């Protein structure tokens, strides 16, 4: 077993606090991010860094298809085979 000594984050550490904005509408705000450093792959990924949980009701292929249209990520639940 490998024990990692790095700091772990909790919900209190990553709380998103609202603040004033110059945007005219919430639809004008882009919260997507470009991820470009993957081990063993030159590909990049542009998405919203929010992941749907891998529960049996939210980690389904239907949910993944809908959230992918919006740039979100879904973890499939463990009952799906590859």
Protein backbone atom coordinates (compact mmCIF):
# COMPACT_ATOMS: atom_id res chain seq x y z
CA UNK A 1 0.00 0.00 0.00
CA UNK A 2 1.25 3.47 -0.88
CA UNK A 3 0.58 6.26 1.62
CA UNK A 4 0.55 9.74 0.15
CA UNK A 5 1.79 12.54 2.37
CA UNK A 6 0.32 15.41 0.35
CA UNK A 7 -2.38 17.71 1.65
CA UNK A 8 -5.96 16.65 1.05
CA UNK A 9 -8.77 19.13 0.40
CA UNK A 10 -12.22 19.24 1.93
CA UNK A 11 -15.40 21.08 0.90
CA UNK A 12 -14.43 24.02 3.13
CA UNK A 13 -11.12 24.37 1.27
CA UNK A 14 -12.69 24.71 -2.16
CA UNK A 15 -15.77 26.77 -1.39
CA UNK A 16 -16.73 29.05 -4.28
CA UNK A 17 -17.75 32.41 -2.90
CA UNK A 18 -19.91 34.69 -5.03
CA UNK A 19 -18.72 38.23 -5.65
CA UNK A 20 -19.57 41.21 -7.82
CA UNK A 21 -19.03 40.86 -11.55
CA UNK A 22 -18.85 43.09 -14.62
CA UNK A 23 -20.76 40.52 -16.71
CA UNK A 24 -24.17 41.60 -17.96
CA UNK A 25 -25.58 38.08 -17.59
CA UNK A 26 -24.62 34.77 -16.01
CA UNK A 27 -24.74 33.26 -19.51
CA UNK A 28 -21.77 35.47 -20.48
CA UNK A 29 -19.48 33.84 -17.91
CA UNK A 30 -17.15 31.05 -19.11
CA UNK A 31 -16.10 28.69 -16.31
CA UNK A 32 -14.47 26.10 -18.56
CA UNK A 33 -10.80 25.26 -18.21
CA UNK A 34 -8.23 23.82 -20.59
CA UNK A 35 -6.30 20.84 -19.24
CA UNK A 36 -3.21 20.09 -21.31
CA UNK A 37 -0.81 18.11 -19.16
CA UNK A 38 -1.72 14.43 -19.13
CA UNK A 39 0.84 11.71 -18.51
CA UNK A 40 1.52 9.63 -21.62
CA UNK A 41 -0.82 11.67 -23.86
CA UNK A 42 -0.34 14.84 -25.94
CA UNK A 43 -4.10 15.53 -26.01
CA UNK A 44 -5.83 18.47 -24.35
CA UNK A 45 -9.24 18.64 -22.68
CA UNK A 46 -11.46 21.70 -22.41
CA UNK A 47 -14.31 21.23 -19.96
CA UNK A 48 -16.02 22.55 -16.86
CA UNK A 49 -14.14 21.03 -13.90
CA UNK A 50 -17.30 19.66 -12.28
CA UNK A 51 -17.83 15.91 -12.06
CA UNK A 52 -21.15 14.12 -11.52
CA UNK A 53 -20.90 11.46 -8.82
CA UNK A 54 -20.58 7.79 -9.72
CA UNK A 55 -23.83 6.79 -7.99
CA UNK A 56 -26.14 4.38 -9.82
CA UNK A 57 -28.66 7.14 -10.63
CA UNK A 58 -26.22 9.85 -11.75
CA UNK A 59 -23.31 7.85 -13.16
CA UNK A 60 -25.21 6.49 -16.15
CA UNK A 61 -24.51 6.69 -19.88
CA UNK A 62 -27.64 8.83 -20.37
CA UNK A 63 -26.41 11.33 -17.78
CA UNK A 64 -22.91 11.28 -19.30
CA UNK A 65 -24.33 12.08 -22.75
CA UNK A 66 -26.33 15.06 -21.44
CA UNK A 67 -23.53 16.49 -19.29
CA UNK A 68 -20.96 16.07 -22.07
CA UNK A 69 -23.03 18.43 -24.22
CA UNK A 70 -22.40 21.09 -21.56
CA UNK A 71 -18.71 20.28 -21.08
CA UNK A 72 -19.11 18.46 -17.76
CA UNK A 73 -17.53 15.16 -16.75
CA UNK A 74 -19.31 12.05 -15.44
CA UNK A 75 -17.90 9.10 -13.50
CA UNK A 76 -19.72 5.91 -14.45
CA UNK A 77 -20.86 3.77 -11.55
CA UNK A 78 -19.24 0.43 -10.84
CA UNK A 79 -22.02 -1.75 -12.26
CA UNK A 80 -21.11 -0.84 -15.86
CA UNK A 81 -18.63 -3.10 -17.63
CA UNK A 82 -16.11 -1.90 -20.16
